[in-house]
Amino acid sequence: MNRRKIIFRDPVVERVVDKFISRSDIGHRKYGTTLHEERTMKVKGLLKYLNDIQEELMDAILYIQTAREEIVENYEED
């Protein structure tokens, strides 16, 4: 594991990086490997990665629609 000190000038960027690290930790606990190991050890091929991306983006669209509906139901548009 590589460690380095990063000085963030933008707290928003720092919070996003923290979330990436947390997500990586959760994924490692769940799957027992890193994306790098998965790729270099040929655990998963390119088509599987593309399928994973497609599924994640489809989920994202559903989350966006749900959030939009929540806004419309609970807030007035100007």
C-alpha atoms as a PDB file:
ATOM      1  CA  MET A   1       0.000   0.000   0.000  1.00  0.00           C
ATOM      2  CA  ASN A   2       1.353   3.423  -0.931  1.00  0.00           C
ATOM      3  CA  ARG A   3       1.107   6.271   1.541  1.00  0.00           C
ATOM      4  CA  ARG A   4       1.654   9.935   0.837  1.00  0.00           C
ATOM      5  CA  LYS A   5       0.691  13.216   2.393  1.00  0.00           C
ATOM      6  CA  ILE A   6      -1.628  15.276   0.254  1.00  0.00           C
ATOM      7  CA  ILE A   7      -2.407  18.905   0.968  1.00  0.00           C
ATOM      8  CA  PHE A   8      -5.835  19.789  -0.377  1.00  0.00           C
ATOM      9  CA  ARG A   9      -6.569  23.367  -1.355  1.00  0.00           C
ATOM     10  CA  ASP A  10     -10.237  22.499  -1.908  1.00  0.00           C
ATOM     11  CA  PRO A  11     -12.211  20.767   0.858  1.00  0.00           C
ATOM     12  CA  VAL A  12     -14.735  19.488  -1.681  1.00  0.00           C
ATOM     13  CA  VAL A  13     -11.969  17.601  -3.501  1.00  0.00           C
ATOM     14  CA  GLU A  14     -10.715  16.261  -0.180  1.00  0.00           C
ATOM     15  CA  ARG A  15     -14.165  14.909   0.699  1.00  0.00           C
ATOM     16  CA  VAL A  16     -14.446  13.210  -2.693  1.00  0.00           C
ATOM     17  CA  VAL A  17     -11.005  11.616  -2.304  1.00  0.00           C
ATOM     18  CA  ASP A  18     -12.015  10.415   1.173  1.00  0.00           C
ATOM     19  CA  LYS A  19     -15.075   8.779  -0.366  1.00  0.00           C
ATOM     20  CA  PHE A  20     -12.936   7.060  -3.017  1.00  0.00           C
ATOM     21  CA  ILE A  21     -10.664   5.678  -0.303  1.00  0.00           C
ATOM     22  CA  SER A  22     -13.625   4.488   1.748  1.00  0.00           C
ATOM     23  CA  ARG A  23     -15.208   2.854  -1.304  1.00  0.00           C
ATOM     24  CA  SER A  24     -11.917   1.138  -2.124  1.00  0.00           C
ATOM     25  CA  ASP A  25     -11.675  -0.191   1.436  1.00  0.00           C
ATOM     26  CA  ILE A  26     -15.252  -1.511   1.304  1.00  0.00           C
ATOM     27  CA  GLY A  27     -14.623  -3.171  -2.065  1.00  0.00           C
ATOM     28  CA  HIS A  28     -11.422  -4.788  -0.819  1.00  0.00           C
ATOM     29  CA  ARG A  29     -13.192  -6.185   2.244  1.00  0.00           C
ATOM     30  CA  LYS A  30     -16.081  -7.448   0.095  1.00  0.00           C
ATOM     31  CA  TYR A  31     -14.087  -8.948  -2.794  1.00  0.00           C
ATOM     32  CA  GLY A  32     -10.681  -9.545  -1.208  1.00  0.00           C
ATOM     33  CA  THR A  33      -8.782  -7.906  -4.060  1.00  0.00           C
ATOM     34  CA  THR A  34      -8.050  -4.528  -5.610  1.00  0.00           C
ATOM     35  CA  LEU A  35      -9.036  -3.386  -9.088  1.00  0.00           C
ATOM     36  CA  HIS A  36      -5.362  -3.388 -10.010  1.00  0.00           C
ATOM     37  CA  GLU A  37      -4.921  -6.999  -8.882  1.00  0.00           C
ATOM     38  CA  GLU A  38      -8.152  -7.984 -10.591  1.00  0.00           C
ATOM     39  CA  ARG A  39      -6.956  -6.506 -13.888  1.00  0.00           C
ATOM     40  CA  THR A  40      -3.332  -7.626 -13.798  1.00  0.00           C
ATOM     41  CA  MET A  41      -4.240 -11.152 -12.676  1.00  0.00           C
ATOM     42  CA  LYS A  42      -6.868 -11.323 -15.463  1.00  0.00           C
ATOM     43  CA  VAL A  43      -9.682 -12.040 -12.995  1.00  0.00           C
ATOM     44  CA  LYS A  44     -12.073  -9.981 -15.075  1.00  0.00           C
ATOM     45  CA  GLY A  45     -11.966  -9.149 -18.769  1.00  0.00           C
ATOM     46  CA  LEU A  46     -12.758  -5.957 -20.620  1.00  0.00           C
ATOM     47  CA  LEU A  47     -16.314  -6.972 -21.493  1.00  0.00           C
ATOM     48  CA  LYS A  48     -17.087  -7.568 -17.808  1.00  0.00           C
ATOM     49  CA  TYR A  49     -15.704  -4.141 -16.929  1.00  0.00           C
ATOM     50  CA  LEU A  50     -17.854  -2.563 -19.647  1.00  0.00           C
ATOM     51  CA  ASN A  51     -20.908  -4.417 -18.363  1.00  0.00           C
ATOM     52  CA  ASP A  52     -20.183  -3.216 -14.811  1.00  0.00           C
ATOM     53  CA  ILE A  53     -19.883   0.373 -16.082  1.00  0.00           C
ATOM     54  CA  GLN A  54     -23.146   0.116 -17.988  1.00  0.00           C
ATOM     55  CA  GLU A  55     -24.992  -1.255 -14.946  1.00  0.00           C
ATOM     56  CA  GLU A  56     -23.584   1.473 -12.682  1.00  0.00           C
ATOM     57  CA  LEU A  57     -24.579   4.208 -15.140  1.00  0.00           C
ATOM     58  CA  MET A  58     -28.070   2.766 -15.451  1.00  0.00           C
ATOM     59  CA  ASP A  59     -28.353   2.823 -11.650  1.00  0.00           C
ATOM     60  CA  ALA A  60     -27.124   6.431 -11.642  1.00  0.00           C
ATOM     61  CA  ILE A  61     -29.878   7.444 -14.076  1.00  0.00           C
ATOM     62  CA  LEU A  62     -32.458   5.870 -11.779  1.00  0.00           C
ATOM     63  CA  TYR A  63     -31.039   7.739  -8.773  1.00  0.00           C
ATOM     64  CA  ILE A  64     -31.142  11.022 -10.722  1.00  0.00           C
ATOM     65  CA  GLN A  65     -34.771  10.458 -11.698  1.00  0.00           C
ATOM     66  CA  THR A  66     -35.716   9.595  -8.118  1.00  0.00           C
ATOM     67  CA  ALA A  67     -33.974  12.725  -6.800  1.00  0.00           C
ATOM     68  CA  ARG A  68     -35.690  14.885  -9.442  1.00  0.00           C
ATOM     69  CA  GLU A  69     -39.088  13.507  -8.433  1.00  0.00           C
ATOM     70  CA  GLU A  70     -38.295  14.211  -4.786  1.00  0.00           C
ATOM     71  CA  ILE A  71     -37.404  17.812  -5.641  1.00  0.00           C
ATOM     72  CA  VAL A  72     -40.563  18.314  -7.720  1.00  0.00           C
ATOM     73  CA  GLU A  73     -42.755  16.879  -4.960  1.00  0.00           C
ATOM     74  CA  ASN A  74     -41.162  18.836  -2.111  1.00  0.00           C
ATOM     75  CA  TYR A  75     -39.884  22.113  -3.529  1.00  0.00           C
ATOM     76  CA  GLU A  76     -41.334  24.791  -5.705  1.00  0.00           C
ATOM     77  CA  GLU A  77     -39.502  25.567  -8.926  1.00  0.00           C
ATOM     78  CA  ASP A  78     -38.758  29.231  -9.560  1.00  0.00           C
END
